[in-house]
Amino acid sequence: MSRDWCSSIAGGVRLAVQVAPNAKKTEVMALLEDSIKIRLQAPPLDGRANEELIRFLAQQLRVPKSAITLTHGQTNKRKLLEISGNARTVESVSQLFAVRDKTARLILRIDEVIVRRKHAPC
């Protein structure tokens, strides 16, 4: 799997994120080739989705919100964020979100099986 969505910078890492605001809950949707797709519960109004994204990433990466800077895409669904601090490396961030992505895909598969069984003829 490519890790183009996560790259090393001086003093931290840079994340390429694609957001989907107005979701039922904030969660990682998928790892794409060039970005990590994240659903955000917040609406894209008055910077609320950006605030929710920073809060979520800080919680997931276990860093303070002040360590995360939104550098590009303030009003766009595609964003670049920089996480400062040497505690996080490309490898550690990639592993963390790879596990979340596998879990999300497994949950989607389970949901699909449940839906199929509900609609299957008896």
N, C-alpha and C. Protein backbone atom coordinates (compact mmCIF):
# COMPACT_ATOMS: atom_id res chain seq x y z
N MET A 1 0.85 -1.18 0.00
CA MET A 1 0.00 0.00 0.00
C MET A 1 0.89 1.24 0.00
N SER A 2 0.55 2.17 -0.82
CA SER A 2 1.29 3.42 -0.89
C SER A 2 1.01 4.27 0.36
N ARG A 3 2.01 5.06 0.75
CA ARG A 3 1.81 5.94 1.90
C ARG A 3 1.94 7.40 1.47
N ASP A 4 1.54 7.69 0.26
CA ASP A 4 1.65 9.06 -0.24
C ASP A 4 0.82 10.03 0.59
N TRP A 5 -0.17 9.56 1.30
CA TRP A 5 -1.01 10.41 2.12
C TRP A 5 -0.30 10.86 3.40
N CYS A 6 0.81 10.23 3.71
CA CYS A 6 1.57 10.55 4.92
C CYS A 6 3.04 10.69 4.54
N SER A 7 3.62 11.85 4.81
CA SER A 7 5.02 12.06 4.46
C SER A 7 5.76 12.74 5.60
N SER A 8 7.06 12.55 5.61
CA SER A 8 7.91 13.11 6.64
C SER A 8 8.27 14.55 6.30
N ILE A 9 8.24 15.41 7.30
CA ILE A 9 8.71 16.79 7.16
C ILE A 9 9.62 17.08 8.34
N ALA A 10 10.32 18.18 8.29
CA ALA A 10 11.20 18.55 9.40
C ALA A 10 10.37 18.73 10.67
N GLY A 11 10.65 17.92 11.66
CA GLY A 11 9.97 18.05 12.94
C GLY A 11 8.61 17.40 13.04
N GLY A 12 8.24 16.50 12.11
CA GLY A 12 6.94 15.86 12.21
C GLY A 12 6.53 15.15 10.94
N VAL A 13 5.22 15.11 10.70
CA VAL A 13 4.67 14.45 9.52
C VAL A 13 3.60 15.34 8.89
N ARG A 14 3.37 15.11 7.60
CA ARG A 14 2.32 15.82 6.86
C ARG A 14 1.30 14.79 6.41
N LEU A 15 0.02 15.10 6.62
CA LEU A 15 -1.07 14.22 6.22
C LEU A 15 -1.90 14.87 5.13
N ALA A 16 -2.23 14.09 4.11
CA ALA A 16 -3.18 14.52 3.09
C ALA A 16 -4.51 13.86 3.44
N VAL A 17 -5.53 14.68 3.64
CA VAL A 17 -6.82 14.19 4.13
C VAL A 17 -7.92 14.64 3.18
N GLN A 18 -8.87 13.75 2.96
CA GLN A 18 -10.09 14.09 2.24
C GLN A 18 -11.23 13.93 3.24
N VAL A 19 -12.01 14.97 3.45
CA VAL A 19 -13.06 14.92 4.46
C VAL A 19 -14.45 14.81 3.82
N ALA A 20 -15.34 14.20 4.59
CA ALA A 20 -16.76 14.10 4.22
C ALA A 20 -17.54 14.64 5.42
N PRO A 21 -17.91 15.93 5.40
CA PRO A 21 -18.62 16.51 6.54
C PRO A 21 -20.07 16.04 6.62
N ASN A 22 -20.73 16.38 7.72
CA ASN A 22 -22.14 16.05 7.97
C ASN A 22 -22.41 14.56 8.08
N ALA A 23 -21.44 13.81 8.59
CA ALA A 23 -21.63 12.37 8.78
C ALA A 23 -22.32 12.10 10.11
N LYS A 24 -22.80 10.87 10.29
CA LYS A 24 -23.44 10.51 11.55
C LYS A 24 -22.44 10.52 12.70
N LYS A 25 -21.18 10.11 12.39
CA LYS A 25 -20.14 10.16 13.41
C LYS A 25 -18.80 10.39 12.74
N THR A 26 -17.85 10.88 13.52
CA THR A 26 -16.52 11.13 13.01
C THR A 26 -15.72 9.84 13.06
N GLU A 27 -15.16 9.45 11.90
CA GLU A 27 -14.41 8.20 11.82
C GLU A 27 -13.58 8.16 10.55
N VAL A 28 -12.58 7.27 10.54
CA VAL A 28 -11.79 7.03 9.35
C VAL A 28 -12.63 6.17 8.41
N MET A 29 -12.76 6.61 7.17
CA MET A 29 -13.51 5.85 6.17
C MET A 29 -12.60 4.88 5.45
N ALA A 30 -11.47 5.38 4.92
CA ALA A 30 -10.60 4.53 4.10
C ALA A 30 -9.25 5.21 3.91
N LEU A 31 -8.28 4.37 3.59
CA LEU A 31 -6.98 4.88 3.15
C LEU A 31 -6.98 4.80 1.63
N LEU A 32 -6.85 5.94 1.00
CA LEU A 32 -6.79 6.00 -0.45
C LEU A 32 -5.32 6.10 -0.86
N GLU A 33 -5.04 6.02 -2.14
CA GLU A 33 -3.66 6.12 -2.61
C GLU A 33 -2.99 7.42 -2.16
N ASP A 34 -3.74 8.53 -2.27
CA ASP A 34 -3.11 9.83 -2.04
C ASP A 34 -3.67 10.58 -0.84
N SER A 35 -4.59 9.98 -0.10
CA SER A 35 -5.15 10.66 1.07
C SER A 35 -5.82 9.66 2.00
N ILE A 36 -6.09 10.13 3.20
CA ILE A 36 -6.87 9.34 4.15
C ILE A 36 -8.25 10.00 4.19
N LYS A 37 -9.29 9.20 4.00
CA LYS A 37 -10.64 9.76 3.95
C LYS A 37 -11.27 9.64 5.33
N ILE A 38 -11.75 10.77 5.83
CA ILE A 38 -12.32 10.84 7.18
C ILE A 38 -13.71 11.45 7.12
N ARG A 39 -14.67 10.76 7.73
CA ARG A 39 -16.01 11.31 7.90
C ARG A 39 -15.99 12.23 9.11
N LEU A 40 -16.65 13.38 8.98
CA LEU A 40 -16.73 14.33 10.09
C LEU A 40 -18.19 14.58 10.45
N GLN A 41 -18.49 14.52 11.72
CA GLN A 41 -19.86 14.76 12.18
C GLN A 41 -20.24 16.23 12.02
N ALA A 42 -19.28 17.11 12.05
CA ALA A 42 -19.54 18.55 12.00
C ALA A 42 -19.89 19.01 10.59
N PRO A 43 -20.69 20.07 10.49
CA PRO A 43 -21.00 20.66 9.17
C PRO A 43 -19.85 21.53 8.69
N PRO A 44 -19.76 21.77 7.39
CA PRO A 44 -18.68 22.60 6.85
C PRO A 44 -19.00 24.09 6.94
N LEU A 45 -19.40 24.55 8.10
CA LEU A 45 -19.77 25.95 8.30
C LEU A 45 -18.89 26.58 9.37
N ASP A 46 -18.45 27.78 9.12
CA ASP A 46 -17.69 28.57 10.10
C ASP A 46 -16.49 27.81 10.67
N GLY A 47 -15.87 26.96 9.88
CA GLY A 47 -14.68 26.25 10.33
C GLY A 47 -14.95 25.10 11.29
N ARG A 48 -16.21 24.74 11.49
CA ARG A 48 -16.53 23.67 12.45
C ARG A 48 -15.98 22.31 12.01
N ALA A 49 -16.03 22.02 10.71
CA ALA A 49 -15.49 20.75 10.22
C ALA A 49 -13.97 20.70 10.42
N ASN A 50 -13.29 21.81 10.18
CA ASN A 50 -11.85 21.87 10.39
C ASN A 50 -11.51 21.65 11.87
N GLU A 51 -12.27 22.27 12.75
CA GLU A 51 -12.05 22.09 14.19
C GLU A 51 -12.27 20.64 14.59
N GLU A 52 -13.31 20.02 14.05
CA GLU A 52 -13.60 18.61 14.35
C GLU A 52 -12.49 17.70 13.83
N LEU A 53 -11.98 18.01 12.64
CA LEU A 53 -10.89 17.22 12.06
C LEU A 53 -9.65 17.30 12.95
N ILE A 54 -9.28 18.48 13.39
CA ILE A 54 -8.11 18.65 14.25
C ILE A 54 -8.33 17.95 15.59
N ARG A 55 -9.52 18.07 16.16
CA ARG A 55 -9.82 17.40 17.42
C ARG A 55 -9.69 15.88 17.27
N PHE A 56 -10.27 15.34 16.18
CA PHE A 56 -10.25 13.91 15.94
C PHE A 56 -8.82 13.40 15.73
N LEU A 57 -8.05 14.11 14.90
CA LEU A 57 -6.67 13.67 14.65
C LEU A 57 -5.82 13.75 15.92
N ALA A 58 -6.02 14.80 16.71
CA ALA A 58 -5.28 14.93 17.97
C ALA A 58 -5.60 13.75 18.90
N GLN A 59 -6.85 13.39 18.96
CA GLN A 59 -7.27 12.26 19.80
C GLN A 59 -6.67 10.95 19.29
N GLN A 60 -6.77 10.71 17.99
CA GLN A 60 -6.28 9.46 17.41
C GLN A 60 -4.75 9.34 17.51
N LEU A 61 -4.06 10.45 17.29
CA LEU A 61 -2.59 10.43 17.29
C LEU A 61 -2.00 10.68 18.67
N ARG A 62 -2.88 10.99 19.63
CA ARG A 62 -2.46 11.28 21.00
C ARG A 62 -1.42 12.40 21.06
N VAL A 63 -1.78 13.50 20.40
CA VAL A 63 -0.97 14.72 20.44
C VAL A 63 -1.89 15.87 20.81
N PRO A 64 -1.36 16.96 21.33
CA PRO A 64 -2.22 18.11 21.62
C PRO A 64 -2.72 18.74 20.32
N LYS A 65 -3.90 19.35 20.39
CA LYS A 65 -4.46 20.02 19.20
C LYS A 65 -3.50 21.08 18.67
N SER A 66 -2.75 21.69 19.57
CA SER A 66 -1.80 22.74 19.15
C SER A 66 -0.66 22.20 18.29
N ALA A 67 -0.48 20.87 18.28
CA ALA A 67 0.58 20.26 17.46
C ALA A 67 0.13 20.05 16.02
N ILE A 68 -1.14 20.31 15.73
CA ILE A 68 -1.69 20.08 14.39
C ILE A 68 -2.01 21.41 13.73
N THR A 69 -1.48 21.59 12.52
CA THR A 69 -1.71 22.82 11.76
C THR A 69 -2.32 22.47 10.41
N LEU A 70 -3.43 23.10 10.10
CA LEU A 70 -4.05 22.95 8.79
C LEU A 70 -3.35 23.93 7.86
N THR A 71 -2.55 23.41 6.92
CA THR A 71 -1.73 24.28 6.08
C THR A 71 -2.38 24.61 4.73
N HIS A 72 -3.18 23.70 4.20
CA HIS A 72 -3.85 23.92 2.91
C HIS A 72 -5.24 23.33 2.95
N GLY A 73 -6.18 23.98 2.26
CA GLY A 73 -7.52 23.43 2.09
C GLY A 73 -8.51 23.85 3.16
N GLN A 74 -8.37 25.05 3.68
CA GLN A 74 -9.28 25.50 4.74
C GLN A 74 -10.75 25.42 4.31
N THR A 75 -11.05 25.65 3.04
CA THR A 75 -12.43 25.61 2.57
C THR A 75 -12.65 24.51 1.53
N ASN A 76 -11.77 23.53 1.50
CA ASN A 76 -11.82 22.46 0.52
C ASN A 76 -11.98 21.12 1.22
N LYS A 77 -12.48 20.12 0.51
CA LYS A 77 -12.59 18.79 1.10
C LYS A 77 -11.24 18.10 1.19
N ARG A 78 -10.30 18.50 0.36
CA ARG A 78 -8.94 17.95 0.40
C ARG A 78 -8.07 18.91 1.20
N LYS A 79 -7.38 18.38 2.19
CA LYS A 79 -6.62 19.22 3.12
C LYS A 79 -5.24 18.65 3.36
N LEU A 80 -4.31 19.52 3.68
CA LEU A 80 -2.98 19.12 4.13
C LEU A 80 -2.81 19.61 5.56
N LEU A 81 -2.38 18.69 6.43
CA LEU A 81 -2.16 19.04 7.83
C LEU A 81 -0.75 18.63 8.22
N GLU A 82 -0.14 19.42 9.08
CA GLU A 82 1.17 19.09 9.60
C GLU A 82 1.07 18.80 11.08
N ILE A 83 1.64 17.68 11.49
CA ILE A 83 1.66 17.29 12.89
C ILE A 83 3.09 17.45 13.37
N SER A 84 3.30 18.38 14.28
CA SER A 84 4.65 18.64 14.76
C SER A 84 4.96 17.75 15.96
N GLY A 85 6.22 17.51 16.15
CA GLY A 85 6.67 16.68 17.26
C GLY A 85 7.32 15.42 16.73
N ASN A 86 8.44 15.09 17.27
CA ASN A 86 9.19 13.94 16.79
C ASN A 86 8.63 12.61 17.29
N ALA A 87 7.62 12.65 18.14
CA ALA A 87 7.04 11.41 18.66
C ALA A 87 6.30 10.64 17.56
N ARG A 88 5.82 11.34 16.55
CA ARG A 88 5.08 10.71 15.47
C ARG A 88 5.95 10.64 14.22
N THR A 89 6.06 9.43 13.69
CA THR A 89 6.81 9.21 12.46
C THR A 89 5.84 8.74 11.39
N VAL A 90 6.29 8.73 10.15
CA VAL A 90 5.46 8.25 9.05
C VAL A 90 5.02 6.81 9.33
N GLU A 91 5.94 6.00 9.81
CA GLU A 91 5.63 4.59 10.07
C GLU A 91 4.57 4.45 11.17
N SER A 92 4.71 5.19 12.25
CA SER A 92 3.75 5.04 13.35
C SER A 92 2.36 5.53 12.95
N VAL A 93 2.30 6.63 12.22
CA VAL A 93 1.00 7.16 11.75
C VAL A 93 0.39 6.20 10.74
N SER A 94 1.19 5.70 9.82
CA SER A 94 0.69 4.76 8.81
C SER A 94 0.14 3.50 9.45
N GLN A 95 0.86 2.95 10.42
CA GLN A 95 0.40 1.74 11.10
C GLN A 95 -0.91 2.00 11.85
N LEU A 96 -0.98 3.12 12.54
CA LEU A 96 -2.19 3.44 13.30
C LEU A 96 -3.41 3.50 12.39
N PHE A 97 -3.31 4.23 11.28
CA PHE A 97 -4.46 4.38 10.40
C PHE A 97 -4.70 3.14 9.55
N ALA A 98 -3.68 2.34 9.28
CA ALA A 98 -3.88 1.08 8.55
C ALA A 98 -4.75 0.14 9.37
N VAL A 99 -4.52 0.09 10.68
CA VAL A 99 -5.34 -0.74 11.56
C VAL A 99 -6.78 -0.22 11.56
N ARG A 100 -6.96 1.10 11.65
CA ARG A 100 -8.30 1.69 11.63
C ARG A 100 -9.01 1.39 10.30
N ASP A 101 -8.25 1.46 9.19
CA ASP A 101 -8.83 1.19 7.88
C ASP A 101 -9.28 -0.26 7.77
N LYS A 102 -8.47 -1.19 8.23
CA LYS A 102 -8.85 -2.61 8.19
C LYS A 102 -10.08 -2.86 9.04
N THR A 103 -10.15 -2.23 10.20
CA THR A 103 -11.32 -2.38 11.07
C THR A 103 -12.57 -1.83 10.39
N ALA A 104 -12.44 -0.65 9.78
CA ALA A 104 -13.59 -0.04 9.09
C ALA A 104 -14.05 -0.92 7.94
N ARG A 105 -13.13 -1.49 7.18
CA ARG A 105 -13.51 -2.37 6.06
C ARG A 105 -14.19 -3.63 6.56
N LEU A 106 -13.71 -4.17 7.68
CA LEU A 106 -14.32 -5.37 8.25
C LEU A 106 -15.75 -5.06 8.70
N ILE A 107 -15.96 -3.92 9.33
CA ILE A 107 -17.31 -3.53 9.77
C ILE A 107 -18.24 -3.37 8.56
N LEU A 108 -17.74 -2.77 7.48
CA LEU A 108 -18.56 -2.63 6.27
C LEU A 108 -18.95 -3.99 5.71
N ARG A 109 -18.02 -4.93 5.70
CA ARG A 109 -18.33 -6.27 5.19
C ARG A 109 -19.38 -6.95 6.06
N ILE A 110 -19.24 -6.83 7.36
CA ILE A 110 -20.23 -7.43 8.27
C ILE A 110 -21.60 -6.81 8.03
N ASP A 111 -21.65 -5.49 7.88
CA ASP A 111 -22.92 -4.82 7.59
C ASP A 111 -23.54 -5.32 6.28
N GLU A 112 -22.71 -5.53 5.26
CA GLU A 112 -23.20 -6.02 3.97
C GLU A 112 -23.81 -7.42 4.12
N VAL A 113 -23.16 -8.28 4.89
CA VAL A 113 -23.67 -9.63 5.11
C VAL A 113 -25.00 -9.57 5.84
N ILE A 114 -25.11 -8.73 6.84
CA ILE A 114 -26.36 -8.59 7.59
C ILE A 114 -27.48 -8.12 6.68
N VAL A 115 -27.20 -7.14 5.84
CA VAL A 115 -28.22 -6.63 4.90
C VAL A 115 -28.64 -7.71 3.93
N ARG A 116 -27.67 -8.47 3.40
CA ARG A 116 -28.00 -9.55 2.46
C ARG A 116 -28.88 -10.60 3.12
N ARG A 117 -28.56 -10.94 4.36
CA ARG A 117 -29.36 -11.96 5.06
C ARG A 117 -30.77 -11.48 5.33
N LYS A 118 -30.92 -10.18 5.61
CA LYS A 118 -32.26 -9.62 5.85
C LYS A 118 -33.12 -9.72 4.61
N HIS A 119 -32.48 -9.54 3.45
CA HIS A 119 -33.23 -9.50 2.19
C HIS A 119 -33.24 -10.84 1.47
N ALA A 120 -32.60 -11.84 2.03
CA ALA A 120 -32.56 -13.15 1.39
C ALA A 120 -33.91 -13.85 1.58
N PRO A 121 -34.36 -14.56 0.55
CA PRO A 121 -35.63 -15.29 0.69
C PRO A 121 -35.45 -16.45 1.70
N CYS A 122 -36.48 -16.68 2.45
CA CYS A 122 -36.43 -17.74 3.48
C CYS A 122 -36.73 -19.09 2.91
